[in-house]
Amino acid sequence: MADVTVTVTPTANASVTVSNTVAASNVTFDPSSSDLTDTDLQNAIAELALEKFSQAAAPTTGVTEGDLWYDTDDDKFYARDEDS
């Protein structure tokens, strides 16, 4: 397989560009060693982008273990552990 370069732009709507005319949706991803469920690169990166929060108050919905939160009021970084 030819070398593939992946460029990720972290936004609410993650975007993936793969060089060598290979669509990111055609690059397989094995999610078995992660908490991700998607099996192609495009969707796996989009799913990963949703696991981070940057806001003043702790997120209360859509949060699972391993999610990241940056507290913009206190300038502290948190990783979700189980239910706290």
Protein backbone atom coordinates (compact mmCIF):
# COMPACT_ATOMS: atom_id res chain seq x y z
CA MET A 1 0.00 0.00 0.00
CA ALA A 2 1.28 3.50 -0.80
CA ASP A 3 2.08 5.97 1.96
CA VAL A 4 -1.01 7.76 3.18
CA THR A 5 -1.01 11.16 4.87
CA VAL A 6 -3.93 11.97 7.15
CA THR A 7 -4.72 15.57 8.10
CA VAL A 8 -7.20 16.10 10.94
CA THR A 9 -8.87 19.44 11.65
CA PRO A 10 -10.32 19.33 15.20
CA THR A 11 -13.74 20.96 15.06
CA ALA A 12 -17.25 19.98 15.99
CA ASN A 13 -17.50 18.57 12.46
CA ALA A 14 -14.15 16.84 12.10
CA SER A 15 -12.72 16.78 8.62
CA VAL A 16 -10.24 14.26 7.29
CA THR A 17 -8.14 14.57 4.15
CA VAL A 18 -6.20 11.56 2.90
CA SER A 19 -3.61 11.95 0.16
CA ASN A 20 -2.98 9.60 -2.78
CA THR A 21 -6.65 9.79 -3.79
CA VAL A 22 -7.70 7.35 -1.08
CA ALA A 23 -10.95 8.40 0.57
CA ALA A 24 -10.77 8.37 4.36
CA SER A 25 -14.00 6.39 4.37
CA ASN A 26 -12.15 3.63 2.45
CA VAL A 27 -9.33 3.34 5.01
CA THR A 28 -10.23 0.68 7.56
CA PHE A 29 -9.79 1.20 11.28
CA ASP A 30 -9.77 -1.50 13.97
CA PRO A 31 -11.65 -0.06 16.98
CA SER A 32 -11.14 -3.14 19.18
CA SER A 33 -8.48 -1.50 21.39
CA SER A 34 -10.45 1.72 21.90
CA ASP A 35 -13.85 2.97 22.96
CA LEU A 36 -14.66 3.90 19.35
CA THR A 37 -17.14 1.87 17.31
CA ASP A 38 -16.60 3.05 13.73
CA THR A 39 -14.48 0.89 11.43
CA ASP A 40 -13.41 3.43 8.81
CA LEU A 41 -10.97 6.29 9.37
CA GLN A 42 -13.36 9.12 8.44
CA ASN A 43 -16.05 8.12 10.94
CA ALA A 44 -13.60 7.05 13.66
CA ILE A 45 -11.99 10.51 13.68
CA ALA A 46 -15.38 12.21 13.66
CA GLU A 47 -16.41 10.02 16.61
CA LEU A 48 -13.18 10.87 18.44
CA ALA A 49 -13.77 14.60 17.93
CA LEU A 50 -17.04 14.29 19.87
CA GLU A 51 -15.22 12.99 22.98
CA LYS A 52 -13.88 16.39 23.98
CA PHE A 53 -15.56 19.35 25.62
CA SER A 54 -14.34 22.92 26.13
CA GLN A 55 -16.70 24.94 28.28
CA ALA A 56 -17.06 26.64 31.67
CA ALA A 57 -19.37 24.04 33.27
CA ALA A 58 -18.79 20.30 33.46
CA PRO A 59 -20.66 18.47 30.67
CA THR A 60 -23.67 16.50 31.91
CA THR A 61 -25.02 14.78 28.79
CA GLY A 62 -23.38 12.64 26.15
CA VAL A 63 -20.40 11.97 28.42
CA THR A 64 -18.67 8.59 28.73
CA GLU A 65 -15.53 7.32 30.42
CA GLY A 66 -12.39 8.61 28.73
CA ASP A 67 -13.96 11.83 27.46
CA LEU A 68 -11.88 14.98 27.88
CA TRP A 69 -13.06 18.33 29.26
CA TYR A 70 -11.17 21.61 29.48
CA ASP A 71 -12.65 23.95 32.11
CA THR A 72 -12.41 27.39 30.51
CA ASP A 73 -13.17 29.21 33.79
CA ASP A 74 -10.48 27.53 35.89
CA ASP A 75 -8.02 26.56 33.13
CA LYS A 76 -8.03 22.91 34.25
CA PHE A 77 -8.07 19.77 32.11
CA TYR A 78 -10.13 16.70 33.12
CA ALA A 79 -10.50 13.13 31.88
CA ARG A 80 -13.76 11.36 32.72
CA ASP A 81 -13.27 8.33 34.98
CA GLU A 82 -16.33 6.08 35.19
CA ASP A 83 -19.15 8.44 36.25
CA SER A 84 -17.21 11.43 37.58
